[in-house]
């Protein structure tokens, strides 16, 4: 699979994600229209967004600038393989 390069297609993909999220939230609120459910949905969305930011921005810019993530699967494999620890120990060795 090739990388998506068309700006119009990238924007379309982003808006489709946004639309899908609004539809999902709307359907959940139609199923259980309470303030508690709305608040829990808002907290869940905010938390997942922060987790995504952590996985792609914080790790790449503050923990391991040499590793570029290709997706959440790539991030999970990065953690499972222990590359973080290996890269950190290598950088400590090189700084001595």
Foldseek 3Di string as FASTA:
>chain_A
DDDDDDPVVVVVVVVVVVVVLVVVLVVVCVVPVDPVSVVVSVVVVVVVVVVVCCLAPVCCPPQPVVDHAPDPVSSVVCVVVVVSVVRVVVVVVVVD
